[in-house]
């Protein structure tokens, strides 16, 4: 999944994987996205790298965070 030899930064690769999962419905609107620790373990990336990928999802408007509960997929308009 994450290509350590790629010129694309690992956080961007992780972000792309998560965006693809959201768009494919793997993580439907309202569902919780994996935690930083879970992403780190699943994708073989560091915790700061996973945090950066999740932060970018929030900035893109694809997720929102509920303090103390985690990050959730935002409602997406139908294409």
N, C-alpha and C. Protein backbone atom coordinates (compact mmCIF):
# COMPACT_ATOMS: atom_id res chain seq x y z
N UNK A 1 0.82 -1.18 0.00
CA UNK A 1 0.00 0.00 0.00
C UNK A 1 0.87 1.26 0.00
N UNK A 2 1.67 1.46 1.03
CA UNK A 2 2.60 2.59 1.06
C UNK A 2 3.89 2.13 0.39
N UNK A 3 4.33 2.90 -0.58
CA UNK A 3 5.55 2.57 -1.32
C UNK A 3 6.70 3.39 -0.75
N UNK A 4 7.58 2.76 0.04
CA UNK A 4 8.69 3.50 0.66
C UNK A 4 9.71 4.02 -0.35
N UNK A 5 9.69 3.51 -1.57
CA UNK A 5 10.64 3.97 -2.58
C UNK A 5 10.09 5.11 -3.43
N UNK A 6 8.81 5.44 -3.24
CA UNK A 6 8.16 6.48 -4.02
C UNK A 6 8.68 7.86 -3.63
N UNK A 7 8.68 8.77 -4.60
CA UNK A 7 9.04 10.16 -4.34
C UNK A 7 7.89 10.90 -3.65
N UNK A 8 6.69 10.32 -3.69
CA UNK A 8 5.53 10.92 -3.02
C UNK A 8 5.67 10.69 -1.52
N UNK A 9 5.56 11.76 -0.71
CA UNK A 9 5.68 11.59 0.74
C UNK A 9 4.66 10.56 1.27
N UNK A 10 5.07 9.86 2.30
CA UNK A 10 4.22 8.80 2.86
C UNK A 10 2.88 9.34 3.35
N UNK A 11 2.86 10.54 3.93
CA UNK A 11 1.59 11.09 4.42
C UNK A 11 0.63 11.31 3.25
N UNK A 12 1.17 11.71 2.08
CA UNK A 12 0.31 11.92 0.92
C UNK A 12 -0.20 10.59 0.37
N UNK A 13 0.63 9.57 0.43
CA UNK A 13 0.18 8.24 0.01
C UNK A 13 -0.94 7.75 0.94
N UNK A 14 -0.76 7.94 2.24
CA UNK A 14 -1.77 7.52 3.22
C UNK A 14 -3.06 8.32 2.99
N UNK A 15 -2.93 9.61 2.77
CA UNK A 15 -4.09 10.46 2.50
C UNK A 15 -4.84 9.95 1.27
N UNK A 16 -4.11 9.63 0.20
CA UNK A 16 -4.73 9.15 -1.04
C UNK A 16 -5.48 7.84 -0.79
N UNK A 17 -4.92 6.95 0.01
CA UNK A 17 -5.58 5.68 0.34
C UNK A 17 -6.89 5.95 1.07
N UNK A 18 -6.86 6.86 2.04
CA UNK A 18 -8.05 7.17 2.81
C UNK A 18 -9.12 7.84 1.96
N UNK A 19 -8.71 8.76 1.10
CA UNK A 19 -9.67 9.42 0.20
C UNK A 19 -10.34 8.38 -0.69
N UNK A 20 -9.54 7.46 -1.21
CA UNK A 20 -10.09 6.42 -2.09
C UNK A 20 -11.10 5.56 -1.32
N UNK A 21 -10.79 5.23 -0.08
CA UNK A 21 -11.71 4.42 0.73
C UNK A 21 -13.00 5.18 1.02
N UNK A 22 -12.90 6.47 1.28
CA UNK A 22 -14.10 7.28 1.52
C UNK A 22 -14.95 7.34 0.26
N UNK A 23 -14.32 7.63 -0.86
CA UNK A 23 -15.06 7.75 -2.13
C UNK A 23 -15.67 6.41 -2.57
N UNK A 24 -15.00 5.30 -2.23
CA UNK A 24 -15.50 3.97 -2.60
C UNK A 24 -16.59 3.48 -1.65
N UNK A 25 -16.79 4.18 -0.54
CA UNK A 25 -17.81 3.77 0.42
C UNK A 25 -17.32 2.79 1.47
N UNK A 26 -16.03 2.50 1.48
CA UNK A 26 -15.48 1.64 2.53
C UNK A 26 -15.72 2.30 3.89
N UNK A 27 -15.56 3.62 3.92
CA UNK A 27 -15.89 4.43 5.10
C UNK A 27 -17.05 5.33 4.68
N UNK A 28 -18.30 4.92 4.91
CA UNK A 28 -19.45 5.72 4.49
C UNK A 28 -19.63 6.95 5.39
N UNK A 29 -20.41 7.94 4.93
CA UNK A 29 -20.67 9.12 5.75
C UNK A 29 -21.15 8.75 7.14
N UNK A 30 -20.59 9.41 8.13
CA UNK A 30 -20.96 9.16 9.52
C UNK A 30 -20.16 8.07 10.20
N UNK A 31 -19.41 7.29 9.42
CA UNK A 31 -18.63 6.21 10.02
C UNK A 31 -17.30 6.75 10.55
N UNK A 32 -16.77 6.04 11.51
CA UNK A 32 -15.51 6.44 12.12
C UNK A 32 -14.36 5.96 11.24
N UNK A 33 -13.38 6.85 11.04
CA UNK A 33 -12.18 6.44 10.32
C UNK A 33 -11.20 5.86 11.32
N UNK A 34 -10.26 5.04 10.87
CA UNK A 34 -9.30 4.44 11.82
C UNK A 34 -8.54 5.50 12.61
N UNK A 35 -8.18 5.12 13.82
CA UNK A 35 -7.40 6.01 14.67
C UNK A 35 -5.99 6.17 14.13
N UNK A 36 -5.29 7.13 14.66
CA UNK A 36 -3.90 7.36 14.27
C UNK A 36 -3.08 6.10 14.50
N UNK A 37 -3.26 5.47 15.64
CA UNK A 37 -2.50 4.27 15.97
C UNK A 37 -2.85 3.13 15.01
N UNK A 38 -4.14 2.95 14.74
CA UNK A 38 -4.57 1.88 13.83
C UNK A 38 -4.02 2.12 12.43
N UNK A 39 -4.07 3.37 11.95
CA UNK A 39 -3.52 3.68 10.63
C UNK A 39 -2.03 3.44 10.58
N UNK A 40 -1.35 3.85 11.63
CA UNK A 40 0.09 3.67 11.71
C UNK A 40 0.45 2.19 11.59
N UNK A 41 -0.27 1.35 12.32
CA UNK A 41 0.00 -0.09 12.29
C UNK A 41 -0.39 -0.70 10.94
N UNK A 42 -1.57 -0.33 10.44
CA UNK A 42 -2.06 -0.92 9.19
C UNK A 42 -1.17 -0.57 7.99
N UNK A 43 -0.76 0.70 7.91
CA UNK A 43 -0.02 1.16 6.74
C UNK A 43 1.49 1.14 6.93
N UNK A 44 1.94 0.84 8.14
CA UNK A 44 3.38 0.79 8.39
C UNK A 44 4.03 2.16 8.34
N UNK A 45 3.31 3.16 8.88
CA UNK A 45 3.83 4.54 8.89
C UNK A 45 3.93 5.01 10.34
N UNK A 46 4.65 6.09 10.53
CA UNK A 46 4.80 6.63 11.88
C UNK A 46 3.52 7.34 12.32
N UNK A 47 3.38 7.53 13.60
CA UNK A 47 2.21 8.22 14.14
C UNK A 47 2.14 9.66 13.61
N UNK A 48 3.24 10.44 13.60
CA UNK A 48 3.14 11.78 13.02
C UNK A 48 2.71 11.78 11.55
N UNK A 49 3.13 10.78 10.80
CA UNK A 49 2.73 10.67 9.40
C UNK A 49 1.24 10.41 9.29
N UNK A 50 0.72 9.51 10.12
CA UNK A 50 -0.72 9.23 10.14
C UNK A 50 -1.50 10.46 10.57
N UNK A 51 -0.99 11.19 11.55
CA UNK A 51 -1.66 12.41 12.01
C UNK A 51 -1.76 13.43 10.88
N UNK A 52 -0.70 13.55 10.12
CA UNK A 52 -0.70 14.52 9.01
C UNK A 52 -1.72 14.13 7.94
N UNK A 53 -1.82 12.85 7.64
CA UNK A 53 -2.80 12.38 6.65
C UNK A 53 -4.22 12.66 7.13
N UNK A 54 -4.50 12.38 8.40
CA UNK A 54 -5.84 12.63 8.94
C UNK A 54 -6.14 14.13 9.03
N UNK A 55 -5.14 14.93 9.36
CA UNK A 55 -5.32 16.38 9.41
C UNK A 55 -5.70 16.91 8.02
N UNK A 56 -5.06 16.37 6.98
CA UNK A 56 -5.36 16.81 5.63
C UNK A 56 -6.79 16.43 5.23
N UNK A 57 -7.26 15.27 5.67
CA UNK A 57 -8.65 14.89 5.40
C UNK A 57 -9.62 15.90 6.01
N UNK A 58 -9.32 16.36 7.24
CA UNK A 58 -10.16 17.37 7.89
C UNK A 58 -10.12 18.67 7.09
N UNK A 59 -8.91 19.09 6.69
CA UNK A 59 -8.77 20.33 5.93
C UNK A 59 -9.48 20.25 4.59
N UNK A 60 -9.55 19.06 4.01
CA UNK A 60 -10.25 18.84 2.74
C UNK A 60 -11.77 18.82 2.93
N UNK A 61 -12.22 18.76 4.18
CA UNK A 61 -13.65 18.71 4.45
C UNK A 61 -14.24 17.31 4.33
N UNK A 62 -13.38 16.30 4.26
CA UNK A 62 -13.86 14.92 4.11
C UNK A 62 -14.19 14.27 5.45
N UNK A 63 -13.58 14.78 6.51
CA UNK A 63 -13.84 14.23 7.84
C UNK A 63 -14.03 15.38 8.83
N UNK A 64 -14.55 15.03 10.00
CA UNK A 64 -14.62 15.96 11.12
C UNK A 64 -14.24 15.20 12.37
N UNK A 65 -13.80 15.91 13.37
CA UNK A 65 -13.35 15.28 14.60
C UNK A 65 -14.28 15.62 15.75
N UNK A 66 -14.62 14.62 16.52
CA UNK A 66 -15.38 14.80 17.75
C UNK A 66 -14.38 14.60 18.89
N UNK A 67 -14.06 15.66 19.64
CA UNK A 67 -13.06 15.53 20.69
C UNK A 67 -13.35 14.35 21.63
N UNK A 68 -12.35 13.54 21.83
CA UNK A 68 -12.45 12.39 22.70
C UNK A 68 -13.07 11.15 22.07
N UNK A 69 -13.63 11.30 20.85
CA UNK A 69 -14.29 10.16 20.21
C UNK A 69 -13.64 9.73 18.90
N UNK A 70 -12.98 10.64 18.22
CA UNK A 70 -12.31 10.26 16.98
C UNK A 70 -12.76 11.08 15.79
N UNK A 71 -12.35 10.62 14.60
CA UNK A 71 -12.67 11.28 13.34
C UNK A 71 -13.73 10.48 12.60
N UNK A 72 -14.64 11.21 11.98
CA UNK A 72 -15.77 10.61 11.26
C UNK A 72 -15.84 11.18 9.86
N UNK A 73 -16.39 10.38 8.94
CA UNK A 73 -16.55 10.81 7.56
C UNK A 73 -17.69 11.81 7.49
N UNK A 74 -17.42 12.94 6.86
CA UNK A 74 -18.44 13.97 6.67
C UNK A 74 -19.44 13.54 5.60
N UNK A 75 -20.64 14.10 5.66
CA UNK A 75 -21.62 13.84 4.59
C UNK A 75 -21.08 14.41 3.29
N UNK A 76 -21.14 13.60 2.25
CA UNK A 76 -20.61 14.02 0.95
C UNK A 76 -21.77 14.21 -0.03
N UNK A 77 -21.72 15.27 -0.82
CA UNK A 77 -22.76 15.40 -1.85
C UNK A 77 -22.63 14.29 -2.89
N UNK A 78 -23.75 13.83 -3.40
CA UNK A 78 -23.72 12.78 -4.41
C UNK A 78 -23.20 13.36 -5.72
N UNK A 79 -22.33 12.60 -6.38
CA UNK A 79 -21.75 13.08 -7.64
C UNK A 79 -22.71 12.81 -8.79
